[in-house]
Amino acid sequence: LAIGALHWCRENGVAVPGDIAVVGYDNTEISRYGALPLTTVNYAADEISRLGVDRILTRIEDFDAWGAPQVELIEPELVVRDSA
């Protein structure tokens, strides 16, 4: 979506980041290497996956160990590039 917004801005004479700032979410490869590198939020997929697998393995090893629902806060990282 954010890459599309950058494209639209370029085609319509809207200066990024001068007139508008554009920020994406995902930190995909394309966000790094476009004509205007995109500022993006990196959401720590590796850490989220690791926590999920750990919980599944705990459940497999001991069904009763599941317990009450837990909340884990995993801080996203803002990767500042040229679009904001």
PDB file of N, CA and C in Angstrom:
ATOM      1  N   LEU A   1       0.806  -1.185   0.000  1.00  0.00           N
ATOM      2  CA  LEU A   1       0.000   0.000   0.000  1.00  0.00           C
ATOM      3  C   LEU A   1       0.857   1.259   0.000  1.00  0.00           C
ATOM      4  N   ALA A   2       1.858   1.303   0.860  1.00  0.00           N
ATOM      5  CA  ALA A   2       2.691   2.502   0.951  1.00  0.00           C
ATOM      6  C   ALA A   2       3.492   2.712  -0.329  1.00  0.00           C
ATOM      7  N   ILE A   3       3.954   1.626  -0.941  1.00  0.00           N
ATOM      8  CA  ILE A   3       4.685   1.740  -2.208  1.00  0.00           C
ATOM      9  C   ILE A   3       3.763   2.327  -3.270  1.00  0.00           C
ATOM     10  N   GLY A   4       2.514   1.893  -3.291  1.00  0.00           N
ATOM     11  CA  GLY A   4       1.532   2.455  -4.214  1.00  0.00           C
ATOM     12  C   GLY A   4       1.298   3.930  -3.950  1.00  0.00           C
ATOM     13  N   ALA A   5       1.272   4.319  -2.689  1.00  0.00           N
ATOM     14  CA  ALA A   5       1.105   5.735  -2.341  1.00  0.00           C
ATOM     15  C   ALA A   5       2.290   6.555  -2.828  1.00  0.00           C
ATOM     16  N   LEU A   6       3.499   6.019  -2.687  1.00  0.00           N
ATOM     17  CA  LEU A   6       4.683   6.714  -3.199  1.00  0.00           C
ATOM     18  C   LEU A   6       4.589   6.904  -4.709  1.00  0.00           C
ATOM     19  N   HIS A   7       4.168   5.857  -5.393  1.00  0.00           N
ATOM     20  CA  HIS A   7       4.011   5.912  -6.857  1.00  0.00           C
ATOM     21  C   HIS A   7       2.986   6.976  -7.240  1.00  0.00           C
ATOM     22  N   TRP A   8       1.848   6.993  -6.563  1.00  0.00           N
ATOM     23  CA  TRP A   8       0.807   7.985  -6.845  1.00  0.00           C
ATOM     24  C   TRP A   8       1.335   9.398  -6.613  1.00  0.00           C
ATOM     25  N   CYS A   9       2.042   9.593  -5.518  1.00  0.00           N
ATOM     26  CA  CYS A   9       2.590  10.917  -5.213  1.00  0.00           C
ATOM     27  C   CYS A   9       3.545  11.372  -6.311  1.00  0.00           C
ATOM     28  N   ARG A  10       4.410  10.482  -6.757  1.00  0.00           N
ATOM     29  CA  ARG A  10       5.357  10.838  -7.810  1.00  0.00           C
ATOM     30  C   ARG A  10       4.626  11.226  -9.089  1.00  0.00           C
ATOM     31  N   GLU A  11       3.595  10.452  -9.466  1.00  0.00           N
ATOM     32  CA  GLU A  11       2.837  10.726 -10.694  1.00  0.00           C
ATOM     33  C   GLU A  11       2.021  12.013 -10.607  1.00  0.00           C
ATOM     34  N   ASN A  12       1.675  12.438  -9.399  1.00  0.00           N
ATOM     35  CA  ASN A  12       0.801  13.601  -9.227  1.00  0.00           C
ATOM     36  C   ASN A  12       1.511  14.825  -8.653  1.00  0.00           C
ATOM     37  N   GLY A  13       2.818  14.802  -8.652  1.00  0.00           N
ATOM     38  CA  GLY A  13       3.584  15.965  -8.235  1.00  0.00           C
ATOM     39  C   GLY A  13       3.545  16.279  -6.753  1.00  0.00           C
ATOM     40  N   VAL A  14       3.240  15.293  -5.944  1.00  0.00           N
ATOM     41  CA  VAL A  14       3.230  15.483  -4.489  1.00  0.00           C
ATOM     42  C   VAL A  14       4.616  15.103  -3.966  1.00  0.00           C
ATOM     43  N   ALA A  15       5.286  16.037  -3.324  1.00  0.00           N
ATOM     44  CA  ALA A  15       6.648  15.803  -2.842  1.00  0.00           C
ATOM     45  C   ALA A  15       6.638  14.966  -1.566  1.00  0.00           C
ATOM     46  N   VAL A  16       7.402  13.877  -1.605  1.00  0.00           N
ATOM     47  CA  VAL A  16       7.592  13.025  -0.426  1.00  0.00           C
ATOM     48  C   VAL A  16       9.065  13.142  -0.050  1.00  0.00           C
ATOM     49  N   PRO A  17       9.401  13.537   1.151  1.00  0.00           N
ATOM     50  CA  PRO A  17       8.570  13.824   2.302  1.00  0.00           C
ATOM     51  C   PRO A  17       8.190  15.297   2.449  1.00  0.00           C
ATOM     52  N   GLY A  18       8.439  16.129   1.473  1.00  0.00           N
ATOM     53  CA  GLY A  18       8.161  17.564   1.598  1.00  0.00           C
ATOM     54  C   GLY A  18       6.711  17.908   1.857  1.00  0.00           C
ATOM     55  N   ASP A  19       5.799  17.434   0.986  1.00  0.00           N
ATOM     56  CA  ASP A  19       4.368  17.725   1.141  1.00  0.00           C
ATOM     57  C   ASP A  19       3.666  16.730   2.054  1.00  0.00           C
ATOM     58  N   ILE A  20       4.133  15.510   2.042  1.00  0.00           N
ATOM     59  CA  ILE A  20       3.488  14.435   2.804  1.00  0.00           C
ATOM     60  C   ILE A  20       4.556  13.409   3.183  1.00  0.00           C
ATOM     61  N   ALA A  21       4.410  12.814   4.343  1.00  0.00           N
ATOM     62  CA  ALA A  21       5.285  11.719   4.767  1.00  0.00           C
ATOM     63  C   ALA A  21       4.545  10.411   4.532  1.00  0.00           C
ATOM     64  N   VAL A  22       5.267   9.403   4.095  1.00  0.00           N
ATOM     65  CA  VAL A  22       4.668   8.091   3.852  1.00  0.00           C
ATOM     66  C   VAL A  22       5.438   7.062   4.671  1.00  0.00           C
ATOM     67  N   VAL A  23       4.706   6.267   5.441  1.00  0.00           N
ATOM     68  CA  VAL A  23       5.307   5.226   6.269  1.00  0.00           C
ATOM     69  C   VAL A  23       4.594   3.917   5.988  1.00  0.00           C
ATOM     70  N   GLY A  24       5.356   2.870   5.760  1.00  0.00           N
ATOM     71  CA  GLY A  24       4.793   1.548   5.516  1.00  0.00           C
ATOM     72  C   GLY A  24       4.890   0.673   6.753  1.00  0.00           C
ATOM     73  N   TYR A  25       4.432  -0.555   6.604  1.00  0.00           N
ATOM     74  CA  TYR A  25       4.469  -1.522   7.700  1.00  0.00           C
ATOM     75  C   TYR A  25       4.905  -2.851   7.125  1.00  0.00           C
ATOM     76  N   ASP A  26       5.943  -3.432   7.645  1.00  0.00           N
ATOM     77  CA  ASP A  26       6.419  -4.751   7.225  1.00  0.00           C
ATOM     78  C   ASP A  26       7.920  -4.791   6.990  1.00  0.00           C
ATOM     79  N   ASN A  27       8.521  -3.685   6.615  1.00  0.00           N
ATOM     80  CA  ASN A  27       9.949  -3.639   6.308  1.00  0.00           C
ATOM     81  C   ASN A  27      10.334  -4.671   5.254  1.00  0.00           C
ATOM     82  N   THR A  28       9.563  -4.737   4.191  1.00  0.00           N
ATOM     83  CA  THR A  28       9.854  -5.672   3.105  1.00  0.00           C
ATOM     84  C   THR A  28      11.063  -5.203   2.305  1.00  0.00           C
ATOM     85  N   GLU A  29      11.633  -6.099   1.519  1.00  0.00           N
ATOM     86  CA  GLU A  29      12.796  -5.781   0.693  1.00  0.00           C
ATOM     87  C   GLU A  29      12.543  -4.580  -0.205  1.00  0.00           C
ATOM     88  N   ILE A  30      11.364  -4.526  -0.816  1.00  0.00           N
ATOM     89  CA  ILE A  30      11.070  -3.447  -1.761  1.00  0.00           C
ATOM     90  C   ILE A  30      11.108  -2.078  -1.083  1.00  0.00           C
ATOM     91  N   SER A  31      10.849  -2.036   0.215  1.00  0.00           N
ATOM     92  CA  SER A  31      10.859  -0.747   0.911  1.00  0.00           C
ATOM     93  C   SER A  31      12.267  -0.165   1.008  1.00  0.00           C
ATOM     94  N   ARG A  32      13.274  -1.000   0.895  1.00  0.00           N
ATOM     95  CA  ARG A  32      14.665  -0.542   0.990  1.00  0.00           C
ATOM     96  C   ARG A  32      15.219  -0.028  -0.324  1.00  0.00           C
ATOM     97  N   TYR A  33      14.783  -0.624  -1.420  1.00  0.00           N
ATOM     98  CA  TYR A  33      15.491  -0.429  -2.678  1.00  0.00           C
ATOM     99  C   TYR A  33      14.723   0.335  -3.738  1.00  0.00           C
ATOM    100  N   GLY A  34      13.607   0.946  -3.396  1.00  0.00           N
ATOM    101  CA  GLY A  34      12.851   1.723  -4.369  1.00  0.00           C
ATOM    102  C   GLY A  34      13.562   3.026  -4.702  1.00  0.00           C
ATOM    103  N   ALA A  35      12.990   3.776  -5.630  1.00  0.00           N
ATOM    104  CA  ALA A  35      13.557   5.075  -5.999  1.00  0.00           C
ATOM    105  C   ALA A  35      13.644   5.987  -4.778  1.00  0.00           C
ATOM    106  N   LEU A  36      12.693   5.862  -3.873  1.00  0.00           N
ATOM    107  CA  LEU A  36      12.700   6.604  -2.610  1.00  0.00           C
ATOM    108  C   LEU A  36      12.539   5.575  -1.488  1.00  0.00           C
ATOM    109  N   PRO A  37      13.629   5.248  -0.786  1.00  0.00           N
ATOM    110  CA  PRO A  37      13.516   4.261   0.288  1.00  0.00           C
ATOM    111  C   PRO A  37      12.431   4.652   1.299  1.00  0.00           C
ATOM    112  N   LEU A  38      11.599   3.678   1.643  1.00  0.00           N
ATOM    113  CA  LEU A  38      10.397   3.890   2.437  1.00  0.00           C
ATOM    114  C   LEU A  38      10.664   3.720   3.929  1.00  0.00           C
ATOM    115  N   THR A  39      10.287   4.720   4.713  1.00  0.00           N
ATOM    116  CA  THR A  39      10.275   4.574   6.167  1.00  0.00           C
ATOM    117  C   THR A  39       9.207   3.534   6.495  1.00  0.00           C
ATOM    118  N   THR A  40       9.527   2.622   7.403  1.00  0.00           N
ATOM    119  CA  THR A  40       8.615   1.510   7.650  1.00  0.00           C
ATOM    120  C   THR A  40       8.695   1.039   9.104  1.00  0.00           C
ATOM    121  N   VAL A  41       7.720   0.268   9.499  1.00  0.00           N
ATOM    122  CA  VAL A  41       7.695  -0.338  10.827  1.00  0.00           C
ATOM    123  C   VAL A  41       8.050  -1.812  10.669  1.00  0.00           C
ATOM    124  N   ASN A  42       9.056  -2.243  11.404  1.00  0.00           N
ATOM    125  CA  ASN A  42       9.463  -3.643  11.410  1.00  0.00           C
ATOM    126  C   ASN A  42       8.823  -4.295  12.632  1.00  0.00           C
ATOM    127  N   TYR A  43       8.021  -5.323  12.416  1.00  0.00           N
ATOM    128  CA  TYR A  43       7.220  -5.875  13.508  1.00  0.00           C
ATOM    129  C   TYR A  43       7.781  -7.135  14.159  1.00  0.00           C
ATOM    130  N   ALA A  44       9.037  -7.460  13.987  1.00  0.00           N
ATOM    131  CA  ALA A  44       9.719  -8.559  14.695  1.00  0.00           C
ATOM    132  C   ALA A  44       9.049  -9.913  14.479  1.00  0.00           C
ATOM    133  N   ALA A  45       8.869 -10.295  13.235  1.00  0.00           N
ATOM    134  CA  ALA A  45       8.225 -11.571  12.911  1.00  0.00           C
ATOM    135  C   ALA A  45       8.968 -12.758  13.516  1.00  0.00           C
ATOM    136  N   ASP A  46      10.293 -12.697  13.577  1.00  0.00           N
ATOM    137  CA  ASP A  46      11.068 -13.797  14.156  1.00  0.00           C
ATOM    138  C   ASP A  46      10.706 -14.014  15.624  1.00  0.00           C
ATOM    139  N   GLU A  47      10.612 -12.929  16.378  1.00  0.00           N
ATOM    140  CA  GLU A  47      10.278 -13.031  17.800  1.00  0.00           C
ATOM    141  C   GLU A  47       8.843 -13.515  17.999  1.00  0.00           C
ATOM    142  N   ILE A  48       7.920 -13.015  17.206  1.00  0.00           N
ATOM    143  CA  ILE A  48       6.522 -13.451  17.287  1.00  0.00           C
ATOM    144  C   ILE A  48       6.426 -14.945  16.990  1.00  0.00           C
ATOM    145  N   SER A  49       7.137 -15.399  15.968  1.00  0.00           N
ATOM    146  CA  SER A  49       7.127 -16.822  15.602  1.00  0.00           C
ATOM    147  C   SER A  49       7.722 -17.675  16.709  1.00  0.00           C
ATOM    148  N   ARG A  50       8.839 -17.225  17.275  1.00  0.00           N
ATOM    149  CA  ARG A  50       9.490 -17.982  18.341  1.00  0.00           C
ATOM    150  C   ARG A  50       8.565 -18.144  19.545  1.00  0.00           C
ATOM    151  N   LEU A  51       7.895 -17.064  19.948  1.00  0.00           N
ATOM    152  CA  LEU A  51       6.965 -17.143  21.075  1.00  0.00           C
ATOM    153  C   LEU A  51       5.811 -18.094  20.777  1.00  0.00           C
ATOM    154  N   GLY A  52       5.289 -18.040  19.565  1.00  0.00           N
ATOM    155  CA  GLY A  52       4.194 -18.930  19.190  1.00  0.00           C
ATOM    156  C   GLY A  52       4.599 -20.390  19.235  1.00  0.00           C
ATOM    157  N   VAL A  53       5.763 -20.693  18.684  1.00  0.00           N
ATOM    158  CA  VAL A  53       6.256 -22.077  18.691  1.00  0.00           C
ATOM    159  C   VAL A  53       6.502 -22.538  20.122  1.00  0.00           C
ATOM    160  N   ASP A  54       7.098 -21.691  20.950  1.00  0.00           N
ATOM    161  CA  ASP A  54       7.327 -22.059  22.356  1.00  0.00           C
ATOM    162  C   ASP A  54       6.016 -22.409  23.058  1.00  0.00           C
ATOM    163  N   ARG A  55       4.984 -21.630  22.809  1.00  0.00           N
ATOM    164  CA  ARG A  55       3.686 -21.895  23.458  1.00  0.00           C
ATOM    165  C   ARG A  55       3.056 -23.187  22.946  1.00  0.00           C
ATOM    166  N   ILE A  56       3.167 -23.430  21.669  1.00  0.00           N
ATOM    167  CA  ILE A  56       2.624 -24.677  21.109  1.00  0.00           C
ATOM    168  C   ILE A  56       3.360 -25.874  21.688  1.00  0.00           C
ATOM    169  N   LEU A  57       4.691 -25.810  21.761  1.00  0.00           N
ATOM    170  CA  LEU A  57       5.464 -26.921  22.317  1.00  0.00           C
ATOM    171  C   LEU A  57       5.132 -27.148  23.789  1.00  0.00           C
ATOM    172  N   THR A  58       4.932 -26.083  24.542  1.00  0.00           N
ATOM    173  CA  THR A  58       4.526 -26.215  25.943  1.00  0.00           C
ATOM    174  C   THR A  58       3.196 -26.941  26.035  1.00  0.00           C
ATOM    175  N   ARG A  59       2.272 -26.590  25.169  1.00  0.00           N
ATOM    176  CA  ARG A  59       0.941 -27.219  25.163  1.00  0.00           C
ATOM    177  C   ARG A  59       1.044 -28.700  24.804  1.00  0.00           C
ATOM    178  N   ILE A  60       1.903 -29.026  23.845  1.00  0.00           N
ATOM    179  CA  ILE A  60       2.083 -30.425  23.434  1.00  0.00           C
ATOM    180  C   ILE A  60       2.692 -31.237  24.568  1.00  0.00           C
ATOM    181  N   GLU A  61       3.700 -30.672  25.238  1.00  0.00           N
ATOM    182  CA  GLU A  61       4.395 -31.393  26.305  1.00  0.00           C
ATOM    183  C   GLU A  61       3.525 -31.595  27.543  1.00  0.00           C
ATOM    184  N   ASP A  62       2.693 -30.618  27.863  1.00  0.00           N
ATOM    185  CA  ASP A  62       1.849 -30.711  29.054  1.00  0.00           C
ATOM    186  C   ASP A  62       0.567 -29.924  28.806  1.00  0.00           C
ATOM    187  N   PHE A  63      -0.483 -30.647  28.453  1.00  0.00           N
ATOM    188  CA  PHE A  63      -1.746 -30.017  28.079  1.00  0.00           C
ATOM    189  C   PHE A  63      -2.261 -29.087  29.172  1.00  0.00           C
ATOM    190  N   ASP A  64      -2.086 -29.461  30.422  1.00  0.00           N
ATOM    191  CA  ASP A  64      -2.599 -28.659  31.534  1.00  0.00           C
ATOM    192  C   ASP A  64      -1.726 -27.435  31.838  1.00  0.00           C
ATOM    193  N   ALA A  65      -0.538 -27.367  31.273  1.00  0.00           N
ATOM    194  CA  ALA A  65       0.367 -26.245  31.540  1.00  0.00           C
ATOM    195  C   ALA A  65      -0.019 -24.983  30.777  1.00  0.00           C
ATOM    196  N   TRP A  66      -1.010 -25.092  29.922  1.00  0.00           N
ATOM    197  CA  TRP A  66      -1.407 -23.951  29.081  1.00  0.00           C
ATOM    198  C   TRP A  66      -1.774 -22.747  29.938  1.00  0.00           C
ATOM    199  N   GLY A  67      -2.606 -22.966  30.948  1.00  0.00           N
ATOM    200  CA  GLY A  67      -2.958 -21.904  31.875  1.00  0.00           C
ATOM    201  C   GLY A  67      -3.801 -20.804  31.255  1.00  0.00           C
ATOM    202  N   ALA A  68      -3.837 -19.690  31.950  1.00  0.00           N
ATOM    203  CA  ALA A  68      -4.622 -18.535  31.511  1.00  0.00           C
ATOM    204  C   ALA A  68      -3.949 -17.863  30.308  1.00  0.00           C
ATOM    205  N   PRO A  69      -4.734 -17.155  29.522  1.00  0.00           N
ATOM    206  CA  PRO A  69      -4.143 -16.418  28.391  1.00  0.00           C
ATOM    207  C   PRO A  69      -3.072 -15.443  28.880  1.00  0.00           C
ATOM    208  N   GLN A  70      -2.046 -15.285  28.079  1.00  0.00           N
ATOM    209  CA  GLN A  70      -0.954 -14.377  28.410  1.00  0.00           C
ATOM    210  C   GLN A  70      -0.845 -13.305  27.335  1.00  0.00           C
ATOM    211  N   VAL A  71      -0.377 -12.165  27.746  1.00  0.00           N
ATOM    212  CA  VAL A  71      -0.149 -11.068  26.809  1.00  0.00           C
ATOM    213  C   VAL A  71       1.343 -10.783  26.778  1.00  0.00           C
ATOM    214  N   GLU A  72       1.907 -10.761  25.594  1.00  0.00           N
ATOM    215  CA  GLU A  72       3.315 -10.417  25.406  1.00  0.00           C
ATOM    216  C   GLU A  72       3.367  -9.170  24.539  1.00  0.00           C
ATOM    217  N   LEU A  73       4.074  -8.173  24.995  1.00  0.00           N
ATOM    218  CA  LEU A  73       4.253  -6.966  24.203  1.00  0.00           C
ATOM    219  C   LEU A  73       5.599  -7.050  23.502  1.00  0.00           C
ATOM    220  N   ILE A  74       5.556  -7.033  22.199  1.00  0.00           N
ATOM    221  CA  ILE A  74       6.776  -7.054  21.404  1.00  0.00           C
ATOM    222  C   ILE A  74       6.852  -5.710  20.692  1.00  0.00           C
ATOM    223  N   GLU A  75       7.804  -4.914  21.085  1.00  0.00           N
ATOM    224  CA  GLU A  75       7.934  -3.561  20.551  1.00  0.00           C
ATOM    225  C   GLU A  75       8.332  -3.605  19.077  1.00  0.00           C
ATOM    226  N   PRO A  76       7.586  -2.920  18.234  1.00  0.00           N
ATOM    227  CA  PRO A  76       8.005  -2.796  16.840  1.00  0.00           C
ATOM    228  C   PRO A  76       9.153  -1.787  16.751  1.00  0.00           C
ATOM    229  N   GLU A  77       9.839  -1.810  15.626  1.00  0.00           N
ATOM    230  CA  GLU A  77      10.958  -0.891  15.405  1.00  0.00           C
ATOM    231  C   GLU A  77      10.631   0.013  14.225  1.00  0.00           C
ATOM    232  N   LEU A  78      10.807   1.299  14.399  1.00  0.00           N
ATOM    233  CA  LEU A  78      10.635   2.242  13.302  1.00  0.00           C
ATOM    234  C   LEU A  78      11.950   2.323  12.540  1.00  0.00           C
ATOM    235  N   VAL A  79      11.900   1.983  11.257  1.00  0.00           N
ATOM    236  CA  VAL A  79      13.081   2.033  10.395  1.00  0.00           C
ATOM    237  C   VAL A  79      12.951   3.292   9.539  1.00  0.00           C
ATOM    238  N   VAL A  80      13.698   4.313   9.903  1.00  0.00           N
ATOM    239  CA  VAL A  80      13.577   5.610   9.235  1.00  0.00           C
ATOM    240  C   VAL A  80      14.422   5.619   7.965  1.00  0.00           C
ATOM    241  N   ARG A  81      13.737   5.916   6.863  1.00  0.00           N
ATOM    242  CA  ARG A  81      14.411   6.076   5.575  1.00  0.00           C
ATOM    243  C   ARG A  81      13.993   7.422   5.000  1.00  0.00           C
ATOM    244  N   ASP A  82      13.949   7.552   3.700  1.00  0.00           N
ATOM    245  CA  ASP A  82      13.790   8.866   3.071  1.00  0.00           C
ATOM    246  C   ASP A  82      12.358   9.360   2.922  1.00  0.00           C
ATOM    247  N   SER A  83      11.352   8.538   3.155  1.00  0.00           N
ATOM    248  CA  SER A  83       9.972   8.938   2.854  1.00  0.00           C
ATOM    249  C   SER A  83       9.270   9.675   3.998  1.00  0.00           C
ATOM    250  N   ALA A  84       9.932   9.806   5.130  1.00  0.00           N
ATOM    251  CA  ALA A  84       9.323  10.520   6.267  1.00  0.00           C
ATOM    252  C   ALA A  84      10.397  11.204   7.086  1.00  0.00           C
TER     253      ALA A  84
END
